[in-house]
N, C-alpha and C. Protein backbone atom coordinates (compact mmCIF):
# COMPACT_ATOMS: atom_id res chain seq x y z
N MET A 1 -20.21 -0.08 -3.81
CA MET A 1 -19.82 1.31 -3.96
C MET A 1 -19.19 1.56 -5.31
N ALA A 2 -18.24 0.71 -5.68
CA ALA A 2 -17.57 0.94 -6.96
C ALA A 2 -18.57 0.89 -8.10
N GLY A 3 -19.67 0.17 -7.88
CA GLY A 3 -20.71 0.16 -8.89
C GLY A 3 -21.38 1.52 -9.02
N ASP A 4 -21.42 2.30 -7.93
CA ASP A 4 -22.02 3.63 -7.95
C ASP A 4 -21.06 4.68 -8.47
N LEU A 5 -19.81 4.58 -8.10
CA LEU A 5 -18.80 5.58 -8.46
C LEU A 5 -17.86 4.93 -9.47
N ASN A 6 -17.92 5.36 -10.71
CA ASN A 6 -17.11 4.71 -11.74
C ASN A 6 -15.70 5.29 -11.77
N GLU A 7 -14.86 4.71 -12.63
CA GLU A 7 -13.46 5.09 -12.70
C GLU A 7 -13.26 6.56 -13.10
N ILE A 8 -14.15 7.09 -13.92
CA ILE A 8 -14.02 8.49 -14.33
C ILE A 8 -14.29 9.41 -13.13
N GLU A 9 -15.32 9.08 -12.36
CA GLU A 9 -15.64 9.88 -11.17
C GLU A 9 -14.54 9.76 -10.11
N VAL A 10 -14.01 8.56 -9.93
CA VAL A 10 -12.92 8.38 -8.96
C VAL A 10 -11.68 9.12 -9.43
N ARG A 11 -11.37 9.04 -10.72
CA ARG A 11 -10.21 9.78 -11.25
C ARG A 11 -10.38 11.26 -10.96
N GLY A 12 -11.56 11.80 -11.20
CA GLY A 12 -11.81 13.21 -10.92
C GLY A 12 -11.68 13.53 -9.44
N ALA A 13 -12.24 12.67 -8.59
CA ALA A 13 -12.18 12.90 -7.14
C ALA A 13 -10.75 12.84 -6.63
N ILE A 14 -10.01 11.81 -7.02
CA ILE A 14 -8.64 11.65 -6.51
C ILE A 14 -7.73 12.75 -7.04
N SER A 15 -7.95 13.18 -8.28
CA SER A 15 -7.17 14.29 -8.84
C SER A 15 -7.47 15.58 -8.09
N GLN A 16 -8.74 15.83 -7.80
CA GLN A 16 -9.13 17.04 -7.06
C GLN A 16 -8.57 17.02 -5.63
N ILE A 17 -8.68 15.88 -4.96
CA ILE A 17 -8.23 15.77 -3.57
C ILE A 17 -6.73 15.94 -3.45
N THR A 18 -5.97 15.33 -4.36
CA THR A 18 -4.50 15.35 -4.26
C THR A 18 -3.86 16.53 -4.98
N GLY A 19 -4.58 17.13 -5.94
CA GLY A 19 -4.00 18.19 -6.74
C GLY A 19 -3.06 17.67 -7.81
N VAL A 20 -3.12 16.37 -8.08
CA VAL A 20 -2.26 15.72 -9.07
C VAL A 20 -3.16 15.02 -10.08
N ASP A 21 -2.75 15.03 -11.34
CA ASP A 21 -3.55 14.44 -12.41
C ASP A 21 -3.39 12.92 -12.42
N PHE A 22 -4.51 12.22 -12.34
CA PHE A 22 -4.55 10.76 -12.46
C PHE A 22 -5.21 10.41 -13.78
N GLN A 23 -4.95 9.19 -14.26
CA GLN A 23 -5.55 8.75 -15.51
C GLN A 23 -6.06 7.32 -15.37
N VAL A 24 -7.08 7.00 -16.14
CA VAL A 24 -7.61 5.64 -16.21
C VAL A 24 -6.74 4.89 -17.21
N ARG A 25 -6.34 3.68 -16.85
CA ARG A 25 -5.61 2.83 -17.80
C ARG A 25 -5.89 1.37 -17.50
N GLU A 26 -5.60 0.55 -18.45
CA GLU A 26 -5.75 -0.89 -18.27
C GLU A 26 -4.60 -1.40 -17.41
N PRO A 27 -4.89 -2.26 -16.44
CA PRO A 27 -3.80 -2.84 -15.66
C PRO A 27 -2.96 -3.77 -16.54
N ASP A 28 -1.65 -3.75 -16.31
CA ASP A 28 -0.79 -4.66 -17.06
C ASP A 28 -0.60 -5.94 -16.25
N SER A 29 0.23 -6.85 -16.74
CA SER A 29 0.40 -8.15 -16.08
C SER A 29 1.02 -7.99 -14.69
N ILE A 30 1.89 -7.03 -14.50
CA ILE A 30 2.49 -6.79 -13.18
C ILE A 30 1.41 -6.31 -12.22
N ASP A 31 0.57 -5.40 -12.68
CA ASP A 31 -0.53 -4.91 -11.85
C ASP A 31 -1.45 -6.07 -11.45
N ARG A 32 -1.81 -6.90 -12.41
CA ARG A 32 -2.72 -8.02 -12.13
C ARG A 32 -2.09 -9.01 -11.16
N ALA A 33 -0.79 -9.23 -11.27
CA ALA A 33 -0.12 -10.14 -10.35
C ALA A 33 -0.18 -9.59 -8.92
N HIS A 34 -0.14 -8.28 -8.80
CA HIS A 34 -0.15 -7.65 -7.48
C HIS A 34 -1.56 -7.48 -6.93
N VAL A 35 -2.49 -6.98 -7.72
CA VAL A 35 -3.82 -6.65 -7.20
C VAL A 35 -4.89 -7.65 -7.57
N GLY A 36 -4.62 -8.57 -8.46
CA GLY A 36 -5.64 -9.53 -8.87
C GLY A 36 -6.58 -8.92 -9.90
N MET A 37 -7.77 -9.44 -9.93
CA MET A 37 -8.77 -8.98 -10.90
C MET A 37 -9.31 -7.61 -10.49
N THR A 38 -9.36 -6.71 -11.44
CA THR A 38 -9.87 -5.37 -11.17
C THR A 38 -11.02 -5.06 -12.12
N ARG A 39 -11.91 -4.19 -11.65
CA ARG A 39 -12.98 -3.70 -12.52
C ARG A 39 -12.48 -2.52 -13.32
N TRP A 40 -11.64 -1.70 -12.69
CA TRP A 40 -11.00 -0.56 -13.35
C TRP A 40 -9.75 -0.17 -12.57
N PHE A 41 -8.91 0.68 -13.19
CA PHE A 41 -7.58 0.98 -12.66
C PHE A 41 -7.26 2.43 -12.97
N VAL A 42 -6.84 3.20 -11.97
CA VAL A 42 -6.49 4.62 -12.12
C VAL A 42 -5.10 4.83 -11.52
N VAL A 43 -4.22 5.52 -12.26
CA VAL A 43 -2.84 5.72 -11.80
C VAL A 43 -2.45 7.19 -11.89
N CYS A 44 -1.44 7.55 -11.11
CA CYS A 44 -0.86 8.89 -11.20
C CYS A 44 -0.28 9.03 -12.61
N ARG A 45 -0.68 10.09 -13.30
CA ARG A 45 -0.35 10.24 -14.72
C ARG A 45 1.13 10.50 -14.97
N GLU A 46 1.73 11.44 -14.27
CA GLU A 46 3.10 11.86 -14.55
C GLU A 46 4.06 11.31 -13.50
N VAL A 47 5.18 10.77 -13.95
CA VAL A 47 6.18 10.23 -13.04
C VAL A 47 6.63 11.28 -12.03
N LEU A 48 6.81 12.51 -12.47
CA LEU A 48 7.25 13.58 -11.57
C LEU A 48 6.22 13.88 -10.49
N ASP A 49 4.96 13.62 -10.76
CA ASP A 49 3.91 13.87 -9.77
C ASP A 49 3.85 12.80 -8.69
N ILE A 50 4.39 11.63 -8.95
CA ILE A 50 4.36 10.56 -7.96
C ILE A 50 5.02 11.02 -6.67
N GLY A 51 6.10 11.78 -6.77
CA GLY A 51 6.78 12.28 -5.58
C GLY A 51 5.95 13.27 -4.78
N LYS A 52 4.96 13.89 -5.42
CA LYS A 52 4.09 14.84 -4.71
C LYS A 52 3.06 14.12 -3.85
N VAL A 53 2.65 12.94 -4.27
CA VAL A 53 1.64 12.16 -3.53
C VAL A 53 2.07 10.69 -3.44
N PRO A 54 3.21 10.40 -2.82
CA PRO A 54 3.67 9.01 -2.77
C PRO A 54 2.73 8.10 -2.00
N TYR A 55 1.90 8.69 -1.17
CA TYR A 55 0.96 7.92 -0.35
C TYR A 55 -0.26 7.44 -1.14
N VAL A 56 -0.47 7.95 -2.36
CA VAL A 56 -1.53 7.43 -3.25
C VAL A 56 -0.96 7.42 -4.66
N ASN A 57 -0.69 6.23 -5.16
CA ASN A 57 -0.13 6.08 -6.50
C ASN A 57 -1.11 5.42 -7.46
N VAL A 58 -1.90 4.48 -6.97
CA VAL A 58 -2.89 3.81 -7.81
C VAL A 58 -4.20 3.67 -7.04
N VAL A 59 -5.29 3.61 -7.79
CA VAL A 59 -6.62 3.38 -7.23
C VAL A 59 -7.31 2.39 -8.16
N TRP A 60 -8.00 1.40 -7.58
CA TRP A 60 -8.73 0.46 -8.42
C TRP A 60 -9.95 -0.07 -7.68
N ALA A 61 -10.86 -0.65 -8.44
CA ALA A 61 -12.03 -1.31 -7.86
C ALA A 61 -11.88 -2.81 -8.08
N ASP A 62 -12.10 -3.57 -7.01
CA ASP A 62 -12.01 -5.02 -7.15
C ASP A 62 -13.38 -5.60 -7.52
N LYS A 63 -13.43 -6.89 -7.69
CA LYS A 63 -14.67 -7.54 -8.13
C LYS A 63 -15.74 -7.55 -7.04
N HIS A 64 -15.38 -7.16 -5.82
CA HIS A 64 -16.34 -7.09 -4.71
C HIS A 64 -16.83 -5.66 -4.48
N ASP A 65 -16.61 -4.80 -5.47
CA ASP A 65 -17.05 -3.40 -5.41
C ASP A 65 -16.39 -2.60 -4.30
N ARG A 66 -15.16 -2.96 -3.96
CA ARG A 66 -14.38 -2.13 -3.03
C ARG A 66 -13.42 -1.29 -3.85
N ILE A 67 -13.21 -0.07 -3.39
CA ILE A 67 -12.21 0.80 -4.00
C ILE A 67 -10.94 0.70 -3.15
N TRP A 68 -9.83 0.47 -3.80
CA TRP A 68 -8.53 0.38 -3.15
C TRP A 68 -7.69 1.59 -3.55
N LEU A 69 -7.03 2.19 -2.57
CA LEU A 69 -6.03 3.23 -2.81
C LEU A 69 -4.71 2.65 -2.33
N GLU A 70 -3.66 2.81 -3.10
CA GLU A 70 -2.38 2.20 -2.73
C GLU A 70 -1.24 3.17 -2.98
N SER A 71 -0.25 3.12 -2.08
CA SER A 71 0.92 4.00 -2.16
C SER A 71 1.97 3.41 -3.10
N ILE A 72 3.04 4.18 -3.27
CA ILE A 72 4.24 3.63 -3.90
C ILE A 72 4.84 2.62 -2.92
N THR A 73 5.84 1.90 -3.35
CA THR A 73 6.54 0.98 -2.45
C THR A 73 7.20 1.79 -1.34
N ILE A 74 6.93 1.39 -0.09
CA ILE A 74 7.48 2.13 1.05
C ILE A 74 8.58 1.36 1.78
N GLY A 75 8.82 0.14 1.39
CA GLY A 75 9.86 -0.64 2.04
C GLY A 75 10.18 -1.88 1.24
N ASP A 76 11.38 -2.39 1.47
CA ASP A 76 11.86 -3.55 0.73
C ASP A 76 12.70 -4.40 1.68
N SER A 77 12.33 -5.66 1.83
CA SER A 77 13.01 -6.53 2.78
C SER A 77 14.49 -6.69 2.48
N LEU A 78 14.87 -6.79 1.21
CA LEU A 78 16.29 -6.99 0.89
C LEU A 78 17.13 -5.79 1.30
N GLU A 79 16.59 -4.59 1.13
CA GLU A 79 17.33 -3.40 1.58
C GLU A 79 17.53 -3.42 3.09
N TRP A 80 16.47 -3.77 3.82
CA TRP A 80 16.58 -3.81 5.28
C TRP A 80 17.49 -4.95 5.75
N ILE A 81 17.42 -6.10 5.07
CA ILE A 81 18.29 -7.22 5.43
C ILE A 81 19.74 -6.83 5.22
N GLU A 82 20.04 -6.21 4.09
CA GLU A 82 21.41 -5.77 3.84
C GLU A 82 21.85 -4.74 4.87
N GLN A 83 20.98 -3.82 5.21
CA GLN A 83 21.29 -2.77 6.18
C GLN A 83 21.62 -3.37 7.56
N HIS A 84 20.85 -4.36 7.98
CA HIS A 84 21.02 -4.92 9.33
C HIS A 84 21.95 -6.13 9.39
N TYR A 85 22.04 -6.89 8.30
CA TYR A 85 22.77 -8.17 8.35
C TYR A 85 23.86 -8.30 7.30
N GLY A 86 24.00 -7.30 6.44
CA GLY A 86 25.06 -7.32 5.44
C GLY A 86 24.89 -8.40 4.40
N ASP A 87 26.01 -8.74 3.77
CA ASP A 87 25.99 -9.73 2.69
C ASP A 87 25.55 -11.11 3.16
N ARG A 88 25.91 -11.47 4.40
CA ARG A 88 25.49 -12.78 4.91
C ARG A 88 23.96 -12.86 5.01
N GLY A 89 23.37 -11.77 5.40
CA GLY A 89 21.92 -11.73 5.45
C GLY A 89 21.30 -11.91 4.08
N LEU A 90 21.89 -11.26 3.09
CA LEU A 90 21.38 -11.39 1.72
C LEU A 90 21.48 -12.83 1.23
N VAL A 91 22.58 -13.49 1.57
CA VAL A 91 22.74 -14.90 1.20
C VAL A 91 21.65 -15.73 1.89
N GLY A 92 21.38 -15.43 3.16
CA GLY A 92 20.32 -16.13 3.88
C GLY A 92 18.95 -15.90 3.27
N ALA A 93 18.71 -14.68 2.82
CA ALA A 93 17.43 -14.36 2.19
C ALA A 93 17.25 -15.14 0.89
N GLN A 94 18.33 -15.35 0.17
CA GLN A 94 18.26 -16.09 -1.09
C GLN A 94 17.89 -17.55 -0.87
N LYS A 95 18.08 -18.04 0.36
CA LYS A 95 17.75 -19.44 0.67
C LYS A 95 16.30 -19.60 1.11
N MET A 96 15.59 -18.50 1.27
CA MET A 96 14.20 -18.56 1.72
C MET A 96 13.24 -18.47 0.54
N ASP A 97 12.02 -18.91 0.79
CA ASP A 97 10.94 -18.69 -0.17
C ASP A 97 9.88 -17.86 0.53
N LEU A 98 9.82 -16.58 0.17
CA LEU A 98 8.91 -15.64 0.82
C LEU A 98 7.60 -15.46 0.05
N THR A 99 7.38 -16.30 -0.93
CA THR A 99 6.21 -16.15 -1.79
C THR A 99 4.91 -16.10 -0.99
N ASP A 100 4.81 -16.87 0.08
CA ASP A 100 3.57 -16.93 0.86
C ASP A 100 3.58 -16.03 2.09
N PHE A 101 4.50 -15.09 2.17
CA PHE A 101 4.51 -14.14 3.27
C PHE A 101 3.23 -13.32 3.22
N PRO A 102 2.53 -13.09 4.31
CA PRO A 102 2.83 -13.31 5.72
C PRO A 102 2.16 -14.53 6.35
N LYS A 103 2.03 -15.65 5.64
CA LYS A 103 1.49 -16.86 6.27
C LYS A 103 2.33 -17.19 7.50
N PRO A 104 1.70 -17.72 8.55
CA PRO A 104 2.39 -17.93 9.83
C PRO A 104 3.72 -18.68 9.74
N GLU A 105 3.77 -19.75 8.97
CA GLU A 105 5.01 -20.53 8.91
C GLU A 105 6.14 -19.76 8.22
N VAL A 106 5.82 -18.97 7.21
CA VAL A 106 6.82 -18.16 6.52
C VAL A 106 7.24 -16.99 7.42
N LEU A 107 6.27 -16.39 8.07
CA LEU A 107 6.54 -15.29 8.99
C LEU A 107 7.45 -15.74 10.13
N GLU A 108 7.20 -16.94 10.66
CA GLU A 108 8.02 -17.47 11.75
C GLU A 108 9.47 -17.68 11.31
N GLU A 109 9.66 -18.28 10.15
CA GLU A 109 11.02 -18.49 9.64
C GLU A 109 11.71 -17.15 9.40
N PHE A 110 10.99 -16.21 8.82
CA PHE A 110 11.54 -14.88 8.56
C PHE A 110 11.93 -14.20 9.88
N ALA A 111 11.07 -14.30 10.88
CA ALA A 111 11.34 -13.70 12.20
C ALA A 111 12.57 -14.32 12.85
N ASN A 112 12.74 -15.62 12.71
CA ASN A 112 13.91 -16.30 13.29
C ASN A 112 15.20 -15.87 12.60
N ARG A 113 15.16 -15.68 11.31
CA ARG A 113 16.37 -15.30 10.57
C ARG A 113 16.66 -13.80 10.63
N PHE A 114 15.60 -12.99 10.62
CA PHE A 114 15.77 -11.54 10.50
C PHE A 114 14.89 -10.78 11.51
N PRO A 115 15.14 -10.95 12.81
CA PRO A 115 14.28 -10.30 13.80
C PRO A 115 14.29 -8.77 13.72
N LYS A 116 15.40 -8.17 13.34
CA LYS A 116 15.44 -6.71 13.23
C LYS A 116 14.54 -6.22 12.11
N VAL A 117 14.49 -6.95 11.03
CA VAL A 117 13.62 -6.57 9.91
C VAL A 117 12.16 -6.78 10.29
N LEU A 118 11.88 -7.85 11.03
CA LEU A 118 10.51 -8.08 11.48
C LEU A 118 10.06 -6.94 12.39
N ARG A 119 10.93 -6.45 13.26
CA ARG A 119 10.56 -5.31 14.12
C ARG A 119 10.23 -4.08 13.27
N HIS A 120 10.95 -3.90 12.19
CA HIS A 120 10.66 -2.83 11.23
C HIS A 120 9.23 -2.97 10.70
N LEU A 121 8.89 -4.17 10.25
CA LEU A 121 7.55 -4.43 9.73
C LEU A 121 6.49 -4.21 10.80
N GLU A 122 6.78 -4.66 12.01
CA GLU A 122 5.83 -4.50 13.12
C GLU A 122 5.60 -3.03 13.45
N LYS A 123 6.64 -2.22 13.36
CA LYS A 123 6.48 -0.78 13.60
C LYS A 123 5.55 -0.18 12.55
N TYR A 124 5.75 -0.53 11.30
CA TYR A 124 4.88 -0.05 10.22
C TYR A 124 3.43 -0.48 10.46
N GLU A 125 3.24 -1.74 10.82
CA GLU A 125 1.89 -2.26 11.07
C GLU A 125 1.24 -1.52 12.24
N GLY A 126 2.03 -1.19 13.27
CA GLY A 126 1.51 -0.44 14.40
C GLY A 126 1.04 0.95 14.00
N ILE A 127 1.82 1.62 13.18
CA ILE A 127 1.44 2.95 12.68
C ILE A 127 0.14 2.85 11.89
N LEU A 128 0.02 1.80 11.08
CA LEU A 128 -1.21 1.58 10.30
C LEU A 128 -2.42 1.36 11.21
N ARG A 129 -2.27 0.52 12.23
CA ARG A 129 -3.39 0.25 13.14
C ARG A 129 -3.86 1.53 13.83
N GLU A 130 -2.91 2.33 14.31
CA GLU A 130 -3.26 3.58 14.99
C GLU A 130 -4.04 4.51 14.06
N ALA A 131 -3.56 4.68 12.84
CA ALA A 131 -4.23 5.58 11.89
C ALA A 131 -5.59 5.03 11.47
N SER A 132 -5.68 3.73 11.31
CA SER A 132 -6.95 3.11 10.93
C SER A 132 -8.00 3.39 12.00
N SER A 133 -7.61 3.27 13.25
CA SER A 133 -8.51 3.56 14.36
C SER A 133 -8.85 5.05 14.42
N LYS A 134 -7.85 5.89 14.27
CA LYS A 134 -8.04 7.34 14.35
C LYS A 134 -8.99 7.86 13.26
N TYR A 135 -8.82 7.39 12.03
CA TYR A 135 -9.58 7.90 10.90
C TYR A 135 -10.84 7.09 10.59
N GLY A 136 -10.97 5.91 11.19
CA GLY A 136 -12.11 5.06 10.88
C GLY A 136 -12.08 4.53 9.46
N ILE A 137 -10.89 4.35 8.92
CA ILE A 137 -10.67 3.87 7.55
C ILE A 137 -9.94 2.54 7.63
N HIS A 138 -10.34 1.58 6.80
CA HIS A 138 -9.62 0.31 6.76
C HIS A 138 -8.28 0.52 6.04
N LEU A 139 -7.20 0.40 6.80
CA LEU A 139 -5.84 0.51 6.25
C LEU A 139 -5.14 -0.83 6.44
N GLU A 140 -4.30 -1.17 5.51
CA GLU A 140 -3.53 -2.40 5.64
C GLU A 140 -2.22 -2.28 4.87
N MET A 141 -1.32 -3.19 5.19
CA MET A 141 -0.07 -3.28 4.46
C MET A 141 -0.28 -4.29 3.34
N ARG A 142 0.06 -3.91 2.13
CA ARG A 142 0.00 -4.84 1.00
C ARG A 142 1.42 -5.35 0.78
N TYR A 143 1.57 -6.66 0.88
CA TYR A 143 2.86 -7.29 0.67
C TYR A 143 2.92 -7.85 -0.74
N GLN A 144 3.88 -7.38 -1.51
CA GLN A 144 4.12 -7.93 -2.84
C GLN A 144 5.37 -8.80 -2.68
N THR A 145 5.21 -10.10 -2.88
CA THR A 145 6.29 -11.02 -2.56
C THR A 145 6.81 -11.74 -3.80
N SER A 146 8.06 -12.14 -3.67
CA SER A 146 8.68 -13.03 -4.64
C SER A 146 9.45 -14.05 -3.81
N LYS A 147 10.21 -14.88 -4.44
CA LYS A 147 10.92 -15.92 -3.71
C LYS A 147 11.75 -15.35 -2.56
N GLU A 148 12.49 -14.28 -2.81
CA GLU A 148 13.41 -13.79 -1.79
C GLU A 148 13.15 -12.35 -1.36
N ARG A 149 12.07 -11.74 -1.80
CA ARG A 149 11.86 -10.32 -1.52
C ARG A 149 10.42 -10.05 -1.11
N ILE A 150 10.29 -9.08 -0.19
CA ILE A 150 8.98 -8.56 0.20
C ILE A 150 9.02 -7.06 -0.02
N SER A 151 8.11 -6.55 -0.82
CA SER A 151 7.95 -5.11 -0.99
C SER A 151 6.65 -4.72 -0.31
N LEU A 152 6.64 -3.54 0.31
CA LEU A 152 5.49 -3.10 1.07
C LEU A 152 4.87 -1.85 0.47
N ARG A 153 3.54 -1.81 0.52
CA ARG A 153 2.80 -0.62 0.11
C ARG A 153 1.67 -0.41 1.10
N LEU A 154 1.35 0.84 1.34
CA LEU A 154 0.19 1.18 2.15
C LEU A 154 -1.06 1.01 1.30
N ALA A 155 -2.16 0.60 1.92
CA ALA A 155 -3.41 0.48 1.18
C ALA A 155 -4.58 0.86 2.07
N ALA A 156 -5.58 1.45 1.45
CA ALA A 156 -6.85 1.75 2.12
C ALA A 156 -7.96 1.17 1.25
N THR A 157 -9.01 0.67 1.90
CA THR A 157 -10.16 0.19 1.14
C THR A 157 -11.40 0.95 1.58
N ILE A 158 -12.25 1.19 0.62
CA ILE A 158 -13.53 1.83 0.85
C ILE A 158 -14.57 0.84 0.35
N SER A 159 -15.45 0.40 1.24
CA SER A 159 -16.42 -0.62 0.86
C SER A 159 -17.70 -0.01 0.32
N GLU A 160 -18.57 -0.87 -0.15
CA GLU A 160 -19.79 -0.42 -0.81
C GLU A 160 -20.84 0.11 0.15
N ASN A 161 -20.55 0.21 1.44
CA ASN A 161 -21.56 0.70 2.38
C ASN A 161 -21.76 2.21 2.30
N GLU A 162 -20.95 2.90 1.52
CA GLU A 162 -21.17 4.32 1.27
C GLU A 162 -22.27 4.43 0.22
N THR A 163 -23.29 5.23 0.48
CA THR A 163 -24.45 5.18 -0.39
C THR A 163 -24.54 6.30 -1.42
N SER A 164 -24.04 7.47 -1.12
CA SER A 164 -24.18 8.57 -2.08
C SER A 164 -22.83 8.94 -2.67
N THR A 165 -22.87 9.58 -3.82
CA THR A 165 -21.63 10.03 -4.44
C THR A 165 -20.88 10.97 -3.51
N ARG A 166 -21.61 11.84 -2.81
CA ARG A 166 -20.97 12.76 -1.87
C ARG A 166 -20.27 12.01 -0.75
N SER A 167 -20.92 11.02 -0.16
CA SER A 167 -20.28 10.28 0.93
C SER A 167 -19.11 9.45 0.41
N GLN A 168 -19.19 9.01 -0.83
CA GLN A 168 -18.07 8.29 -1.43
C GLN A 168 -16.87 9.22 -1.60
N HIS A 169 -17.14 10.44 -2.06
CA HIS A 169 -16.07 11.43 -2.21
C HIS A 169 -15.44 11.73 -0.84
N VAL A 170 -16.26 11.87 0.18
CA VAL A 170 -15.77 12.12 1.54
C VAL A 170 -14.94 10.93 2.02
N ALA A 171 -15.39 9.71 1.72
CA ALA A 171 -14.65 8.52 2.12
C ALA A 171 -13.29 8.46 1.42
N ILE A 172 -13.24 8.80 0.15
CA ILE A 172 -11.97 8.83 -0.58
C ILE A 172 -11.05 9.88 0.03
N LYS A 173 -11.59 11.05 0.33
CA LYS A 173 -10.78 12.11 0.94
C LYS A 173 -10.24 11.66 2.30
N GLY A 174 -11.08 11.00 3.10
CA GLY A 174 -10.63 10.50 4.40
C GLY A 174 -9.53 9.46 4.26
N ALA A 175 -9.67 8.58 3.26
CA ALA A 175 -8.65 7.56 3.02
C ALA A 175 -7.33 8.20 2.60
N VAL A 176 -7.39 9.21 1.74
CA VAL A 176 -6.17 9.91 1.31
C VAL A 176 -5.51 10.58 2.51
N GLU A 177 -6.28 11.23 3.36
CA GLU A 177 -5.73 11.89 4.55
C GLU A 177 -5.08 10.87 5.48
N ALA A 178 -5.74 9.74 5.70
CA ALA A 178 -5.19 8.70 6.56
C ALA A 178 -3.89 8.15 6.00
N MET A 179 -3.86 7.90 4.69
CA MET A 179 -2.65 7.37 4.07
C MET A 179 -1.50 8.37 4.12
N LYS A 180 -1.81 9.64 3.95
CA LYS A 180 -0.77 10.67 4.06
C LYS A 180 -0.21 10.70 5.47
N ASP A 181 -1.08 10.61 6.46
CA ASP A 181 -0.65 10.60 7.86
C ASP A 181 0.28 9.41 8.13
N VAL A 182 -0.10 8.23 7.67
CA VAL A 182 0.73 7.04 7.86
C VAL A 182 2.06 7.20 7.14
N TYR A 183 2.02 7.65 5.90
CA TYR A 183 3.24 7.83 5.12
C TYR A 183 4.19 8.81 5.82
N ASP A 184 3.64 9.91 6.31
CA ASP A 184 4.46 10.91 7.01
C ASP A 184 5.07 10.33 8.28
N LYS A 185 4.29 9.58 9.05
CA LYS A 185 4.81 8.98 10.29
C LYS A 185 5.88 7.94 10.00
N ILE A 186 5.71 7.16 8.96
CA ILE A 186 6.73 6.19 8.58
C ILE A 186 7.99 6.92 8.12
N SER A 187 7.84 8.00 7.38
CA SER A 187 9.00 8.79 6.94
C SER A 187 9.76 9.35 8.13
N ILE A 188 9.04 9.84 9.13
CA ILE A 188 9.68 10.36 10.36
C ILE A 188 10.41 9.23 11.08
N TYR A 189 9.77 8.07 11.19
CA TYR A 189 10.40 6.90 11.81
C TYR A 189 11.68 6.52 11.07
N GLU A 190 11.61 6.48 9.75
CA GLU A 190 12.77 6.11 8.94
C GLU A 190 13.91 7.12 9.07
N ALA A 191 13.55 8.38 9.24
CA ALA A 191 14.57 9.42 9.39
C ALA A 191 15.20 9.40 10.78
N GLY A 192 14.63 8.59 11.67
CA GLY A 192 15.18 8.49 13.02
C GLY A 192 14.84 9.66 13.90
N ILE A 193 13.77 10.38 13.55
CA ILE A 193 13.40 11.56 14.32
C ILE A 193 12.66 11.18 15.59
N VAL A 194 11.99 10.03 15.60
CA VAL A 194 11.24 9.62 16.80
C VAL A 194 12.09 8.79 17.70
């Protein structure tokens, strides 16, 4: 699909769908560390506009011709650990190596040390699964990890099985709608409204 719809067309589609100006740019080393090899990279142009569409901040095509849409960071393990476990929790987090999260052995250790934070992650994953099923869009949580921190972002992928430019545009629009729905539900959950 990404071979059919280039970065200029995707930039135009995502800008039209969101009402926010996106731009094509080269990924930097931080981007590459997070997303790996990309064919092209599109980002929200203005910092002030990021708040208008936090559910879609970057779009890129990977080497397998999938288009990825990704949100801003929606959660941070250290913030949640401090919230639930205080300074002792932060000290415990510093003793862990979360680089390979969510591999089973790392996930198990994390769950044993910070079960309240794991429940937070599980709630987010549940919201993602429901929306993925509802919209028929592949949604997932992207974990950006370091030794002691996990940052979370929403992501949607659109595979190359879309054949026409029109259906690709429709798929991008559906992915944006699904991500907005997930972002809104997570915001409601975080506000304690549910």
